[in-house]
Every structure is written in C-alpha cells, then in structure tokens.
C-alpha cells in the first residue's frame, strides 16, 4: 500500500478509523486485538455501535494516535484482513 498520508498529515497525530463488518459480537474484540498489537494503549473506541438498516452490519469508530504513515498503512492492512470486516475507512 502506497498512500500519500505523509503529505496530508503531520505525524504523530490522532487518526480516525471506522470499521464496518458483519454484525457479530466478536467484531469489537477482533478489531481491538489488532490495535493492541500495533498501537497498544494509544487508541480508544468511540461511543456507540452503529447498526445497518438490515441489521446485517455493524460500524465501530476509533480514534488512534499514530506515529507515521507506515503505521497507518499497517493498520489498514491488518484491519482489512479480519475475516468479518468488510470496510475500513
């Protein structure tokens, strides 16, 4: 993944992620596991879990303190690899 985050952001900084995945109880746990590996205590899940109109999907928002472009790209890659995640924004 080659993005231009380094041109758009001044690192280190807070960065927002929205993860959308299948409506399963373990979605937050799987996402938190990835953040624990990459940013340990430098993230927080924002209040509220949004449910799609059909109830098939859940959306979770996070604020993450990231050090550099490589860390943002690694998070996108790892979060996207979770089997029940459909989108990472």
N, C-alpha and C. Protein backbone atom coordinates (compact mmCIF):
# COMPACT_ATOMS: atom_id res chain seq x y z
N UNK A 1 0.85 -1.17 0.00
CA UNK A 1 0.00 0.00 0.00
C UNK A 1 0.90 1.23 0.00
N UNK A 2 0.69 2.10 -0.96
CA UNK A 2 1.47 3.33 -1.00
C UNK A 2 0.50 4.51 -1.06
N UNK A 3 0.36 5.18 0.05
CA UNK A 3 -0.58 6.30 0.16
C UNK A 3 0.18 7.60 0.27
N UNK A 4 -0.54 8.69 0.29
CA UNK A 4 0.10 10.00 0.48
C UNK A 4 -0.27 10.60 1.84
N UNK A 5 -0.48 9.74 2.83
CA UNK A 5 -0.81 10.22 4.17
C UNK A 5 0.26 11.18 4.70
N UNK A 6 1.53 10.91 4.37
CA UNK A 6 2.60 11.77 4.87
C UNK A 6 2.55 13.18 4.28
N UNK A 7 1.90 13.33 3.15
CA UNK A 7 1.73 14.66 2.55
C UNK A 7 0.52 15.39 3.11
N UNK A 8 -0.44 14.63 3.61
CA UNK A 8 -1.70 15.22 4.10
C UNK A 8 -1.73 15.45 5.61
N UNK A 9 -0.93 14.68 6.34
CA UNK A 9 -0.97 14.74 7.80
C UNK A 9 0.40 15.08 8.37
N UNK A 10 0.39 15.65 9.55
CA UNK A 10 1.63 15.91 10.27
C UNK A 10 1.71 14.90 11.41
N UNK A 11 2.66 13.99 11.29
CA UNK A 11 2.81 12.91 12.27
C UNK A 11 3.74 13.33 13.39
N UNK A 12 3.53 12.78 14.58
CA UNK A 12 2.45 11.91 15.04
C UNK A 12 1.14 12.70 15.18
N UNK A 13 0.03 11.98 15.11
CA UNK A 13 -1.28 12.64 15.19
C UNK A 13 -2.38 11.65 15.55
N UNK A 14 -3.53 12.20 15.89
CA UNK A 14 -4.72 11.37 16.09
C UNK A 14 -5.33 11.10 14.72
N UNK A 15 -5.76 9.87 14.52
CA UNK A 15 -6.30 9.45 13.22
C UNK A 15 -7.58 8.67 13.48
N UNK A 16 -8.60 8.93 12.70
CA UNK A 16 -9.88 8.25 12.87
C UNK A 16 -10.04 7.06 11.96
N UNK A 17 -10.54 5.98 12.50
CA UNK A 17 -10.86 4.78 11.73
C UNK A 17 -12.32 4.45 11.94
N UNK A 18 -12.99 4.02 10.89
CA UNK A 18 -14.33 3.44 11.00
C UNK A 18 -14.24 2.06 10.38
N UNK A 19 -14.63 1.08 11.15
CA UNK A 19 -14.58 -0.30 10.71
C UNK A 19 -16.01 -0.82 10.59
N UNK A 20 -16.33 -1.35 9.41
CA UNK A 20 -17.65 -1.93 9.17
C UNK A 20 -17.49 -3.41 8.91
N UNK A 21 -18.29 -4.19 9.62
CA UNK A 21 -18.19 -5.63 9.47
C UNK A 21 -19.50 -6.31 9.77
N UNK A 22 -19.49 -7.62 9.65
CA UNK A 22 -20.68 -8.41 9.93
C UNK A 22 -21.11 -8.19 11.38
N UNK A 23 -22.41 -8.22 11.60
CA UNK A 23 -22.98 -7.98 12.93
C UNK A 23 -22.76 -9.21 13.81
N UNK A 24 -21.55 -9.33 14.31
CA UNK A 24 -21.21 -10.43 15.21
C UNK A 24 -20.65 -9.84 16.50
N UNK A 25 -20.91 -10.50 17.61
CA UNK A 25 -20.48 -9.99 18.91
C UNK A 25 -18.97 -9.84 19.03
N UNK A 26 -18.21 -10.63 18.27
CA UNK A 26 -16.76 -10.58 18.41
C UNK A 26 -16.08 -9.54 17.51
N UNK A 27 -16.84 -8.76 16.76
CA UNK A 27 -16.23 -7.74 15.90
C UNK A 27 -15.36 -6.77 16.71
N UNK A 28 -15.88 -6.14 17.78
CA UNK A 28 -15.02 -5.22 18.54
C UNK A 28 -13.78 -5.90 19.12
N UNK A 29 -13.91 -7.13 19.56
CA UNK A 29 -12.76 -7.84 20.13
C UNK A 29 -11.69 -8.07 19.09
N UNK A 30 -12.09 -8.50 17.91
CA UNK A 30 -11.11 -8.75 16.84
C UNK A 30 -10.41 -7.45 16.42
N UNK A 31 -11.16 -6.36 16.34
CA UNK A 31 -10.57 -5.08 15.97
C UNK A 31 -9.63 -4.60 17.08
N UNK A 32 -10.06 -4.70 18.33
CA UNK A 32 -9.21 -4.29 19.45
C UNK A 32 -7.92 -5.09 19.51
N UNK A 33 -7.97 -6.36 19.15
CA UNK A 33 -6.77 -7.19 19.14
C UNK A 33 -5.73 -6.62 18.17
N UNK A 34 -6.16 -6.16 17.01
CA UNK A 34 -5.24 -5.57 16.03
C UNK A 34 -4.65 -4.27 16.59
N UNK A 35 -5.50 -3.43 17.16
CA UNK A 35 -4.99 -2.17 17.74
C UNK A 35 -4.03 -2.45 18.89
N UNK A 36 -4.31 -3.47 19.71
CA UNK A 36 -3.42 -3.81 20.81
C UNK A 36 -2.02 -4.18 20.31
N UNK A 37 -1.95 -4.84 19.18
CA UNK A 37 -0.66 -5.23 18.61
C UNK A 37 0.10 -4.02 18.09
N UNK A 38 -0.59 -3.13 17.39
CA UNK A 38 0.09 -2.04 16.68
C UNK A 38 0.21 -0.73 17.45
N UNK A 39 -0.75 -0.42 18.31
CA UNK A 39 -0.71 0.88 19.00
C UNK A 39 -0.96 0.77 20.50
N UNK A 40 -1.02 -0.43 21.02
CA UNK A 40 -1.21 -0.76 22.43
C UNK A 40 -2.27 0.13 23.10
N UNK A 41 -1.86 1.08 23.92
CA UNK A 41 -2.81 1.90 24.68
C UNK A 41 -3.12 3.23 24.01
N UNK A 42 -2.73 3.41 22.77
CA UNK A 42 -2.91 4.69 22.09
C UNK A 42 -4.13 4.72 21.17
N UNK A 43 -5.21 4.09 21.61
CA UNK A 43 -6.45 4.13 20.84
C UNK A 43 -7.63 4.09 21.79
N UNK A 44 -8.76 4.57 21.29
CA UNK A 44 -9.99 4.43 22.06
C UNK A 44 -11.15 4.24 21.11
N UNK A 45 -12.04 3.35 21.52
CA UNK A 45 -13.26 3.12 20.76
C UNK A 45 -14.22 4.24 21.10
N UNK A 46 -14.75 4.89 20.10
CA UNK A 46 -15.68 5.98 20.33
C UNK A 46 -17.04 5.41 20.71
N UNK A 47 -17.81 6.15 21.49
CA UNK A 47 -19.10 5.64 21.97
C UNK A 47 -20.05 5.28 20.82
N UNK A 48 -20.77 4.23 21.03
CA UNK A 48 -21.81 3.85 20.08
C UNK A 48 -21.35 2.86 19.04
N UNK A 49 -22.20 1.92 18.80
CA UNK A 49 -22.02 0.94 17.74
C UNK A 49 -23.20 1.15 16.81
N UNK A 50 -22.91 1.46 15.56
CA UNK A 50 -24.00 1.71 14.62
C UNK A 50 -24.39 0.42 13.92
N UNK A 51 -25.69 0.24 13.77
CA UNK A 51 -26.24 -0.95 13.14
C UNK A 51 -26.87 -0.56 11.81
N UNK A 52 -26.62 -1.34 10.76
CA UNK A 52 -27.19 -1.05 9.45
C UNK A 52 -28.71 -1.23 9.49
N UNK A 53 -29.39 -0.69 8.49
CA UNK A 53 -30.85 -0.80 8.41
C UNK A 53 -31.33 -2.24 8.44
N UNK A 54 -30.59 -3.11 7.80
CA UNK A 54 -30.98 -4.53 7.75
C UNK A 54 -30.53 -5.31 8.98
N UNK A 55 -29.63 -4.70 9.77
CA UNK A 55 -29.10 -5.39 10.94
C UNK A 55 -27.99 -6.37 10.63
N UNK A 56 -27.57 -6.43 9.38
CA UNK A 56 -26.55 -7.38 8.96
C UNK A 56 -25.13 -6.90 9.28
N UNK A 57 -24.95 -5.57 9.39
CA UNK A 57 -23.62 -4.99 9.59
C UNK A 57 -23.58 -4.08 10.81
N UNK A 58 -22.39 -4.00 11.40
CA UNK A 58 -22.11 -3.07 12.49
C UNK A 58 -20.97 -2.16 12.06
N UNK A 59 -20.97 -0.95 12.59
CA UNK A 59 -19.92 0.02 12.32
C UNK A 59 -19.38 0.53 13.66
N UNK A 60 -18.05 0.53 13.79
CA UNK A 60 -17.39 0.98 15.01
C UNK A 60 -16.38 2.06 14.63
N UNK A 61 -16.33 3.13 15.42
CA UNK A 61 -15.38 4.21 15.17
C UNK A 61 -14.32 4.24 16.27
N UNK A 62 -13.10 4.59 15.86
CA UNK A 62 -11.96 4.66 16.78
C UNK A 62 -11.16 5.93 16.54
N UNK A 63 -10.54 6.41 17.59
CA UNK A 63 -9.53 7.45 17.50
C UNK A 63 -8.21 6.80 17.89
N UNK A 64 -7.22 6.93 17.02
CA UNK A 64 -5.95 6.24 17.21
C UNK A 64 -4.81 7.24 17.09
N UNK A 65 -3.87 7.22 18.04
CA UNK A 65 -2.69 8.06 17.96
C UNK A 65 -1.63 7.28 17.18
N UNK A 66 -1.32 7.77 15.98
CA UNK A 66 -0.38 7.07 15.09
C UNK A 66 0.93 7.84 14.98
N UNK A 67 2.01 7.09 14.80
CA UNK A 67 3.35 7.68 14.75
C UNK A 67 3.75 8.13 13.36
N UNK A 68 3.34 7.36 12.34
CA UNK A 68 3.79 7.67 10.99
C UNK A 68 2.91 7.00 9.94
N UNK A 69 3.21 7.29 8.69
CA UNK A 69 2.47 6.75 7.55
C UNK A 69 2.49 5.22 7.54
N UNK A 70 3.63 4.64 7.83
CA UNK A 70 3.75 3.18 7.81
C UNK A 70 2.80 2.53 8.82
N UNK A 71 2.63 3.16 9.97
CA UNK A 71 1.74 2.60 10.98
C UNK A 71 0.28 2.66 10.52
N UNK A 72 -0.12 3.76 9.87
CA UNK A 72 -1.48 3.88 9.35
C UNK A 72 -1.73 2.81 8.29
N UNK A 73 -0.79 2.64 7.38
CA UNK A 73 -0.94 1.65 6.32
C UNK A 73 -0.99 0.23 6.89
N UNK A 74 -0.18 -0.05 7.90
CA UNK A 74 -0.19 -1.38 8.52
C UNK A 74 -1.54 -1.64 9.19
N UNK A 75 -2.09 -0.63 9.83
CA UNK A 75 -3.40 -0.79 10.47
C UNK A 75 -4.48 -1.07 9.44
N UNK A 76 -4.49 -0.31 8.34
CA UNK A 76 -5.47 -0.57 7.28
C UNK A 76 -5.36 -2.01 6.78
N UNK A 77 -4.14 -2.46 6.56
CA UNK A 77 -3.92 -3.81 6.04
C UNK A 77 -4.39 -4.87 7.02
N UNK A 78 -4.00 -4.74 8.29
CA UNK A 78 -4.36 -5.74 9.31
C UNK A 78 -5.86 -5.74 9.60
N UNK A 79 -6.46 -4.56 9.68
CA UNK A 79 -7.90 -4.49 9.95
C UNK A 79 -8.70 -5.08 8.79
N UNK A 80 -8.27 -4.82 7.57
CA UNK A 80 -8.95 -5.34 6.39
C UNK A 80 -8.85 -6.86 6.30
N UNK A 81 -7.82 -7.44 6.92
CA UNK A 81 -7.61 -8.88 6.87
C UNK A 81 -8.50 -9.66 7.85
N UNK A 82 -9.17 -8.95 8.76
CA UNK A 82 -10.08 -9.63 9.69
C UNK A 82 -11.23 -10.23 8.88
N UNK A 83 -11.51 -11.49 9.11
CA UNK A 83 -12.47 -12.23 8.28
C UNK A 83 -13.87 -11.63 8.24
N UNK A 84 -14.32 -10.98 9.30
CA UNK A 84 -15.68 -10.45 9.32
C UNK A 84 -15.75 -8.95 9.00
N UNK A 85 -14.59 -8.33 8.76
CA UNK A 85 -14.57 -6.91 8.39
C UNK A 85 -14.80 -6.78 6.89
N UNK A 86 -15.66 -5.84 6.54
CA UNK A 86 -15.97 -5.62 5.12
C UNK A 86 -15.35 -4.33 4.59
N UNK A 87 -15.26 -3.28 5.43
CA UNK A 87 -14.70 -2.00 5.01
C UNK A 87 -13.92 -1.37 6.16
N UNK A 88 -12.82 -0.70 5.81
CA UNK A 88 -12.07 0.09 6.77
C UNK A 88 -11.94 1.48 6.17
N UNK A 89 -12.50 2.46 6.85
CA UNK A 89 -12.47 3.85 6.37
C UNK A 89 -11.70 4.71 7.34
